[in-house]
Amino acid sequence: RVPPTQDLLPGTTVRAEIDTTRPRAVLSLPRS
């Protein structure tokens, strides 16, 4: 569901980034 906006027109193809972040925090480091 998207809010009313002028940035999306019906029929438009979109790329979606779904945030599937886990609720727990962990010790993490940059990949490098």
PDB file of all heavy atoms in Angstrom:
ATOM      1  N   ARG A   1       0.862  -1.189   0.000  1.00  0.00           N
ATOM      2  CA  ARG A   1       0.000   0.000   0.000  1.00  0.00           C
ATOM      3  C   ARG A   1       0.894   1.234   0.000  1.00  0.00           C
ATOM      4  O   ARG A   1       1.842   1.326   0.770  1.00  0.00           O
ATOM      5  CB  ARG A   1      -0.909  -0.002   1.228  1.00  0.00           C
ATOM      6  CG  ARG A   1      -1.743   1.271   1.423  1.00  0.00           C
ATOM      7  CD  ARG A   1      -2.716   1.515   0.293  1.00  0.00           C
ATOM      8  NE  ARG A   1      -3.607   0.394   0.074  1.00  0.00           N
ATOM      9  CZ  ARG A   1      -4.724   0.208   0.777  1.00  0.00           C
ATOM     10  NH1 ARG A   1      -5.060   1.035   1.742  1.00  0.00           N
ATOM     11  NH2 ARG A   1      -5.498  -0.822   0.510  1.00  0.00           N
ATOM     12  N   VAL A   2       0.597   2.162  -0.898  1.00  0.00           N
ATOM     13  CA  VAL A   2       1.397   3.382  -0.996  1.00  0.00           C
ATOM     14  C   VAL A   2       0.513   4.586  -0.730  1.00  0.00           C
ATOM     15  O   VAL A   2      -0.682   4.580  -1.040  1.00  0.00           O
ATOM     16  CB  VAL A   2       2.066   3.501  -2.382  1.00  0.00           C
ATOM     17  CG1 VAL A   2       3.069   2.398  -2.578  1.00  0.00           C
ATOM     18  CG2 VAL A   2       1.039   3.461  -3.502  1.00  0.00           C
ATOM     19  N   PRO A   3       1.066   5.651  -0.152  1.00  0.00           N
ATOM     20  CA  PRO A   3       0.278   6.856   0.110  1.00  0.00           C
ATOM     21  C   PRO A   3       0.009   7.613  -1.182  1.00  0.00           C
ATOM     22  O   PRO A   3       0.688   7.385  -2.200  1.00  0.00           O
ATOM     23  CB  PRO A   3       1.192   7.662   1.044  1.00  0.00           C
ATOM     24  CG  PRO A   3       2.578   7.238   0.650  1.00  0.00           C
ATOM     25  CD  PRO A   3       2.461   5.783   0.279  1.00  0.00           C
ATOM     26  N   PRO A   4      -0.968   8.524  -1.173  1.00  0.00           N
ATOM     27  CA  PRO A   4      -1.211   9.346  -2.366  1.00  0.00           C
ATOM     28  C   PRO A   4       0.054  10.117  -2.744  1.00  0.00           C
ATOM     29  O   PRO A   4       0.670  10.765  -1.899  1.00  0.00           O
ATOM     30  CB  PRO A   4      -2.340  10.286  -1.925  1.00  0.00           C
ATOM     31  CG  PRO A   4      -3.008   9.578  -0.787  1.00  0.00           C
ATOM     32  CD  PRO A   4      -1.927   8.813  -0.096  1.00  0.00           C
ATOM     33  N   THR A   5       0.456  10.010  -3.997  1.00  0.00           N
ATOM     34  CA  THR A   5       1.686  10.665  -4.439  1.00  0.00           C
ATOM     35  C   THR A   5       1.620  10.899  -5.942  1.00  0.00           C
ATOM     36  O   THR A   5       0.951  10.153  -6.668  1.00  0.00           O
ATOM     37  CB  THR A   5       2.924   9.820  -4.094  1.00  0.00           C
ATOM     38  OG1 THR A   5       4.084  10.446  -4.644  1.00  0.00           O
ATOM     39  CG2 THR A   5       2.807   8.426  -4.669  1.00  0.00           C
ATOM     40  N   GLN A   6       2.329  11.913  -6.390  1.00  0.00           N
ATOM     41  CA  GLN A   6       2.442  12.182  -7.816  1.00  0.00           C
ATOM     42  C   GLN A   6       3.631  11.448  -8.425  1.00  0.00           C
ATOM     43  O   GLN A   6       3.848  11.504  -9.641  1.00  0.00           O
ATOM     44  CB  GLN A   6       2.594  13.690  -8.044  1.00  0.00           C
ATOM     45  CG  GLN A   6       1.398  14.513  -7.579  1.00  0.00           C
ATOM     46  CD  GLN A   6       0.118  14.164  -8.327  1.00  0.00           C
ATOM     47  OE1 GLN A   6       0.135  13.936  -9.524  1.00  0.00           O
ATOM     48  NE2 GLN A   6      -0.996  14.117  -7.616  1.00  0.00           N
ATOM     49  N   ASP A   7       4.426  10.765  -7.594  1.00  0.00           N
ATOM     50  CA  ASP A   7       5.639  10.110  -8.081  1.00  0.00           C
ATOM     51  C   ASP A   7       5.378   8.719  -8.631  1.00  0.00           C
ATOM     52  O   ASP A   7       6.278   8.109  -9.202  1.00  0.00           O
ATOM     53  CB  ASP A   7       6.672  10.028  -6.945  1.00  0.00           C
ATOM     54  CG  ASP A   7       7.189  11.398  -6.529  1.00  0.00           C
ATOM     55  OD1 ASP A   7       7.294  12.271  -7.411  1.00  0.00           O
ATOM     56  OD2 ASP A   7       7.467  11.593  -5.340  1.00  0.00           O
ATOM     57  N   LEU A   8       4.173   8.198  -8.449  1.00  0.00           N
ATOM     58  CA  LEU A   8       3.839   6.882  -8.974  1.00  0.00           C
ATOM     59  C   LEU A   8       2.582   6.991  -9.829  1.00  0.00           C
ATOM     60  O   LEU A   8       1.562   7.524  -9.383  1.00  0.00           O
ATOM     61  CB  LEU A   8       3.603   5.878  -7.850  1.00  0.00           C
ATOM     62  CG  LEU A   8       4.823   5.406  -7.061  1.00  0.00           C
ATOM     63  CD1 LEU A   8       4.395   4.441  -5.969  1.00  0.00           C
ATOM     64  CD2 LEU A   8       5.847   4.752  -7.963  1.00  0.00           C
ATOM     65  N   LEU A   9       2.656   6.464 -11.040  1.00  0.00           N
ATOM     66  CA  LEU A   9       1.512   6.467 -11.938  1.00  0.00           C
ATOM     67  C   LEU A   9       1.035   5.036 -12.141  1.00  0.00           C
ATOM     68  O   LEU A   9       1.855   4.106 -12.237  1.00  0.00           O
ATOM     69  CB  LEU A   9       1.895   7.070 -13.291  1.00  0.00           C
ATOM     70  CG  LEU A   9       2.349   8.532 -13.271  1.00  0.00           C
ATOM     71  CD1 LEU A   9       2.787   8.963 -14.673  1.00  0.00           C
ATOM     72  CD2 LEU A   9       1.237   9.435 -12.761  1.00  0.00           C
ATOM     73  N   PRO A  10      -0.282   4.816 -12.202  1.00  0.00           N
ATOM     74  CA  PRO A  10      -0.787   3.463 -12.439  1.00  0.00           C
ATOM     75  C   PRO A  10      -0.197   2.877 -13.715  1.00  0.00           C
ATOM     76  O   PRO A  10      -0.068   3.556 -14.733  1.00  0.00           O
ATOM     77  CB  PRO A  10      -2.301   3.680 -12.564  1.00  0.00           C
ATOM     78  CG  PRO A  10      -2.561   4.937 -11.796  1.00  0.00           C
ATOM     79  CD  PRO A  10      -1.367   5.802 -12.014  1.00  0.00           C
ATOM     80  N   GLY A  11       0.183   1.608 -13.630  1.00  0.00           N
ATOM     81  CA  GLY A  11       0.785   0.933 -14.767  1.00  0.00           C
ATOM     82  C   GLY A  11       2.299   0.965 -14.781  1.00  0.00           C
ATOM     83  O   GLY A  11       2.936   0.292 -15.600  1.00  0.00           O
ATOM     84  N   THR A  12       2.906   1.732 -13.856  1.00  0.00           N
ATOM     85  CA  THR A  12       4.361   1.868 -13.818  1.00  0.00           C
ATOM     86  C   THR A  12       5.020   0.602 -13.262  1.00  0.00           C
ATOM     87  O   THR A  12       4.557   0.031 -12.283  1.00  0.00           O
ATOM     88  CB  THR A  12       4.762   3.070 -12.946  1.00  0.00           C
ATOM     89  OG1 THR A  12       4.177   4.258 -13.487  1.00  0.00           O
ATOM     90  CG2 THR A  12       6.271   3.237 -12.906  1.00  0.00           C
ATOM     91  N   THR A  13       6.124   0.205 -13.892  1.00  0.00           N
ATOM     92  CA  THR A  13       6.952  -0.867 -13.344  1.00  0.00           C
ATOM     93  C   THR A  13       7.890  -0.274 -12.300  1.00  0.00           C
ATOM     94  O   THR A  13       8.482   0.781 -12.516  1.00  0.00           O
ATOM     95  CB  THR A  13       7.777  -1.541 -14.449  1.00  0.00           C
ATOM     96  OG1 THR A  13       6.883  -2.098 -15.416  1.00  0.00           O
ATOM     97  CG2 THR A  13       8.649  -2.649 -13.882  1.00  0.00           C
ATOM     98  N   VAL A  14       8.014  -0.932 -11.162  1.00  0.00           N
ATOM     99  CA  VAL A  14       8.839  -0.417 -10.073  1.00  0.00           C
ATOM    100  C   VAL A  14       9.810  -1.491  -9.594  1.00  0.00           C
ATOM    101  O   VAL A  14       9.560  -2.690  -9.731  1.00  0.00           O
ATOM    102  CB  VAL A  14       7.987   0.059  -8.879  1.00  0.00           C
ATOM    103  CG1 VAL A  14       7.067   1.196  -9.278  1.00  0.00           C
ATOM    104  CG2 VAL A  14       7.195  -1.084  -8.283  1.00  0.00           C
ATOM    105  N   ARG A  15      10.923  -1.008  -9.051  1.00  0.00           N
ATOM    106  CA  ARG A  15      11.857  -1.870  -8.313  1.00  0.00           C
ATOM    107  C   ARG A  15      11.651  -1.595  -6.832  1.00  0.00           C
ATOM    108  O   ARG A  15      11.649  -0.442  -6.410  1.00  0.00           O
ATOM    109  CB  ARG A  15      13.305  -1.573  -8.717  1.00  0.00           C
ATOM    110  CG  ARG A  15      14.348  -2.329  -7.883  1.00  0.00           C
ATOM    111  CD  ARG A  15      15.750  -2.087  -8.431  1.00  0.00           C
ATOM    112  NE  ARG A  15      16.066  -0.665  -8.478  1.00  0.00           N
ATOM    113  CZ  ARG A  15      16.567   0.036  -7.473  1.00  0.00           C
ATOM    114  NH1 ARG A  15      16.787  -0.556  -6.301  1.00  0.00           N
ATOM    115  NH2 ARG A  15      16.844   1.316  -7.613  1.00  0.00           N
ATOM    116  N   ALA A  16      11.456  -2.634  -6.063  1.00  0.00           N
ATOM    117  CA  ALA A  16      11.150  -2.474  -4.639  1.00  0.00           C
ATOM    118  C   ALA A  16      12.282  -3.024  -3.791  1.00  0.00           C
ATOM    119  O   ALA A  16      12.817  -4.103  -4.068  1.00  0.00           O
ATOM    120  CB  ALA A  16       9.850  -3.189  -4.289  1.00  0.00           C
ATOM    121  N   GLU A  17      12.652  -2.263  -2.771  1.00  0.00           N
ATOM    122  CA  GLU A  17      13.624  -2.716  -1.770  1.00  0.00           C
ATOM    123  C   GLU A  17      12.864  -2.957  -0.472  1.00  0.00           C
ATOM    124  O   GLU A  17      12.425  -2.022   0.195  1.00  0.00           O
ATOM    125  CB  GLU A  17      14.726  -1.665  -1.562  1.00  0.00           C
ATOM    126  CG  GLU A  17      15.516  -1.320  -2.824  1.00  0.00           C
ATOM    127  CD  GLU A  17      16.342  -2.491  -3.335  1.00  0.00           C
ATOM    128  OE1 GLU A  17      16.654  -3.373  -2.520  1.00  0.00           O
ATOM    129  OE2 GLU A  17      16.673  -2.513  -4.534  1.00  0.00           O
ATOM    130  N   ILE A  18      12.685  -4.217  -0.117  1.00  0.00           N
ATOM    131  CA  ILE A  18      11.934  -4.587   1.080  1.00  0.00           C
ATOM    132  C   ILE A  18      12.906  -4.713   2.242  1.00  0.00           C
ATOM    133  O   ILE A  18      13.878  -5.475   2.168  1.00  0.00           O
ATOM    134  CB  ILE A  18      11.190  -5.917   0.875  1.00  0.00           C
ATOM    135  CG1 ILE A  18      10.318  -5.852  -0.382  1.00  0.00           C
ATOM    136  CG2 ILE A  18      10.343  -6.247   2.099  1.00  0.00           C
ATOM    137  CD1 ILE A  18       9.713  -7.185  -0.763  1.00  0.00           C
ATOM    138  N   ASP A  19      12.666  -3.953   3.304  1.00  0.00           N
ATOM    139  CA  ASP A  19      13.536  -4.000   4.477  1.00  0.00           C
ATOM    140  C   ASP A  19      13.151  -5.193   5.334  1.00  0.00           C
ATOM    141  O   ASP A  19      12.131  -5.190   6.020  1.00  0.00           O
ATOM    142  CB  ASP A  19      13.407  -2.703   5.274  1.00  0.00           C
ATOM    143  CG  ASP A  19      14.427  -2.614   6.411  1.00  0.00           C
ATOM    144  OD1 ASP A  19      15.104  -3.632   6.670  1.00  0.00           O
ATOM    145  OD2 ASP A  19      14.540  -1.551   7.037  1.00  0.00           O
ATOM    146  N   THR A  20      13.978  -6.223   5.272  1.00  0.00           N
ATOM    147  CA  THR A  20      13.714  -7.437   6.053  1.00  0.00           C
ATOM    148  C   THR A  20      14.617  -7.505   7.275  1.00  0.00           C
ATOM    149  O   THR A  20      14.958  -8.600   7.744  1.00  0.00           O
ATOM    150  CB  THR A  20      13.918  -8.694   5.185  1.00  0.00           C
ATOM    151  OG1 THR A  20      15.270  -8.711   4.693  1.00  0.00           O
ATOM    152  CG2 THR A  20      12.962  -8.696   4.010  1.00  0.00           C
ATOM    153  N   THR A  21      15.015  -6.346   7.814  1.00  0.00           N
ATOM    154  CA  THR A  21      15.908  -6.276   8.962  1.00  0.00           C
ATOM    155  C   THR A  21      15.386  -7.101  10.127  1.00  0.00           C
ATOM    156  O   THR A  21      14.210  -7.022  10.486  1.00  0.00           O
ATOM    157  CB  THR A  21      16.079  -4.817   9.423  1.00  0.00           C
ATOM    158  OG1 THR A  21      16.631  -4.072   8.346  1.00  0.00           O
ATOM    159  CG2 THR A  21      16.999  -4.725  10.619  1.00  0.00           C
ATOM    160  N   ARG A  22      16.257  -7.889  10.725  1.00  0.00           N
ATOM    161  CA  ARG A  22      15.857  -8.658  11.902  1.00  0.00           C
ATOM    162  C   ARG A  22      15.695  -7.730  13.100  1.00  0.00           C
ATOM    163  O   ARG A  22      16.412  -6.757  13.242  1.00  0.00           O
ATOM    164  CB  ARG A  22      16.917  -9.712  12.221  1.00  0.00           C
ATOM    165  CG  ARG A  22      17.027 -10.810  11.172  1.00  0.00           C
ATOM    166  CD  ARG A  22      17.981 -11.876  11.618  1.00  0.00           C
ATOM    167  NE  ARG A  22      18.042 -12.978  10.670  1.00  0.00           N
ATOM    168  CZ  ARG A  22      18.753 -14.080  10.859  1.00  0.00           C
ATOM    169  NH1 ARG A  22      19.460 -14.220  11.962  1.00  0.00           N
ATOM    170  NH2 ARG A  22      18.766 -15.041   9.959  1.00  0.00           N
ATOM    171  N   PRO A  23      14.770  -8.049  13.991  1.00  0.00           N
ATOM    172  CA  PRO A  23      14.562  -7.170  15.142  1.00  0.00           C
ATOM    173  C   PRO A  23      15.722  -7.152  16.130  1.00  0.00           C
ATOM    174  O   PRO A  23      15.895  -6.213  16.870  1.00  0.00           O
ATOM    175  CB  PRO A  23      13.299  -7.753  15.800  1.00  0.00           C
ATOM    176  CG  PRO A  23      13.265  -9.184  15.340  1.00  0.00           C
ATOM    177  CD  PRO A  23      13.828  -9.175  13.957  1.00  0.00           C
ATOM    178  N   ARG A  24      16.576  -8.196  16.128  1.00  0.00           N
ATOM    179  CA  ARG A  24      17.681  -8.235  17.091  1.00  0.00           C
ATOM    180  C   ARG A  24      18.901  -7.512  16.533  1.00  0.00           C
ATOM    181  O   ARG A  24      19.138  -7.486  15.328  1.00  0.00           O
ATOM    182  CB  ARG A  24      18.050  -9.680  17.418  1.00  0.00           C
ATOM    183  CG  ARG A  24      18.576 -10.463  16.222  1.00  0.00           C
ATOM    184  CD  ARG A  24      18.821 -11.908  16.589  1.00  0.00           C
ATOM    185  NE  ARG A  24      19.350 -12.666  15.464  1.00  0.00           N
ATOM    186  CZ  ARG A  24      20.642 -12.797  15.202  1.00  0.00           C
ATOM    187  NH1 ARG A  24      21.531 -12.215  15.992  1.00  0.00           N
ATOM    188  NH2 ARG A  24      21.066 -13.501  14.164  1.00  0.00           N
ATOM    189  N   ALA A  25      19.693  -6.925  17.426  1.00  0.00           N
ATOM    190  CA  ALA A  25      20.943  -6.276  17.049  1.00  0.00           C
ATOM    191  C   ALA A  25      22.095  -7.251  17.272  1.00  0.00           C
ATOM    192  O   ALA A  25      22.065  -8.067  18.196  1.00  0.00           O
ATOM    193  CB  ALA A  25      21.151  -5.008  17.867  1.00  0.00           C
ATOM    194  N   VAL A  26      23.113  -7.172  16.419  1.00  0.00           N
ATOM    195  CA  VAL A  26      24.249  -8.083  16.507  1.00  0.00           C
ATOM    196  C   VAL A  26      25.538  -7.288  16.335  1.00  0.00           C
ATOM    197  O   VAL A  26      25.534  -6.148  15.883  1.00  0.00           O
ATOM    198  CB  VAL A  26      24.170  -9.177  15.415  1.00  0.00           C
ATOM    199  CG1 VAL A  26      22.967 -10.066  15.623  1.00  0.00           C
ATOM    200  CG2 VAL A  26      24.132  -8.540  14.030  1.00  0.00           C
ATOM    201  N   LEU A  27      26.662  -7.921  16.715  1.00  0.00           N
ATOM    202  CA  LEU A  27      27.954  -7.303  16.477  1.00  0.00           C
ATOM    203  C   LEU A  27      28.258  -7.476  14.991  1.00  0.00           C
ATOM    204  O   LEU A  27      28.256  -8.603  14.478  1.00  0.00           O
ATOM    205  CB  LEU A  27      29.036  -7.963  17.322  1.00  0.00           C
ATOM    206  CG  LEU A  27      30.398  -7.250  17.336  1.00  0.00           C
ATOM    207  CD1 LEU A  27      31.068  -7.415  18.693  1.00  0.00           C
ATOM    208  CD2 LEU A  27      31.307  -7.780  16.245  1.00  0.00           C
ATOM    209  N   SER A  28      28.484  -6.370  14.307  1.00  0.00           N
ATOM    210  CA  SER A  28      28.720  -6.436  12.875  1.00  0.00           C
ATOM    211  C   SER A  28      29.907  -5.566  12.494  1.00  0.00           C
ATOM    212  O   SER A  28      30.265  -4.616  13.200  1.00  0.00           O
ATOM    213  CB  SER A  28      27.475  -5.972  12.100  1.00  0.00           C
ATOM    214  OG  SER A  28      27.211  -4.603  12.356  1.00  0.00           O
ATOM    215  N   LEU A  29      30.532  -5.933  11.362  1.00  0.00           N
ATOM    216  CA  LEU A  29      31.689  -5.220  10.840  1.00  0.00           C
ATOM    217  C   LEU A  29      31.475  -4.945   9.359  1.00  0.00           C
ATOM    218  O   LEU A  29      30.729  -5.673   8.683  1.00  0.00           O
ATOM    219  CB  LEU A  29      32.960  -6.063  11.009  1.00  0.00           C
ATOM    220  CG  LEU A  29      33.392  -6.385  12.440  1.00  0.00           C
ATOM    221  CD1 LEU A  29      34.560  -7.382  12.402  1.00  0.00           C
ATOM    222  CD2 LEU A  29      33.791  -5.117  13.187  1.00  0.00           C
ATOM    223  N   PRO A  30      32.130  -3.926   8.823  1.00  0.00           N
ATOM    224  CA  PRO A  30      32.071  -3.711   7.368  1.00  0.00           C
ATOM    225  C   PRO A  30      32.598  -4.938   6.629  1.00  0.00           C
ATOM    226  O   PRO A  30      33.484  -5.647   7.124  1.00  0.00           O
ATOM    227  CB  PRO A  30      32.976  -2.498   7.152  1.00  0.00           C
ATOM    228  CG  PRO A  30      33.026  -1.801   8.470  1.00  0.00           C
ATOM    229  CD  PRO A  30      32.922  -2.880   9.505  1.00  0.00           C
ATOM    230  N   ARG A  31      32.060  -5.192   5.456  1.00  0.00           N
ATOM    231  CA  ARG A  31      32.497  -6.356   4.684  1.00  0.00           C
ATOM    232  C   ARG A  31      33.988  -6.309   4.405  1.00  0.00           C
ATOM    233  O   ARG A  31      34.654  -7.343   4.314  1.00  0.00           O
ATOM    234  CB  ARG A  31      31.720  -6.433   3.366  1.00  0.00           C
ATOM    235  CG  ARG A  31      30.229  -6.643   3.525  1.00  0.00           C
ATOM    236  CD  ARG A  31      29.564  -6.827   2.189  1.00  0.00           C
ATOM    237  NE  ARG A  31      29.928  -8.106   1.576  1.00  0.00           N
ATOM    238  CZ  ARG A  31      29.555  -8.469   0.356  1.00  0.00           C
ATOM    239  NH1 ARG A  31      28.835  -7.645  -0.379  1.00  0.00           N
ATOM    240  NH2 ARG A  31      29.909  -9.637  -0.134  1.00  0.00           N
ATOM    241  N   SER A  32      34.534  -5.089   4.239  1.00  0.00           N
ATOM    242  CA  SER A  32      35.959  -4.954   3.921  1.00  0.00           C
ATOM    243  C   SER A  32      36.854  -5.429   5.056  1.00  0.00           C
ATOM    244  O   SER A  32      38.040  -5.699   4.836  1.00  0.00           O
ATOM    245  CB  SER A  32      36.278  -3.490   3.596  1.00  0.00           C
ATOM    246  OG  SER A  32      35.991  -2.650   4.720  1.00  0.00           O
TER     247      SER A  32
END
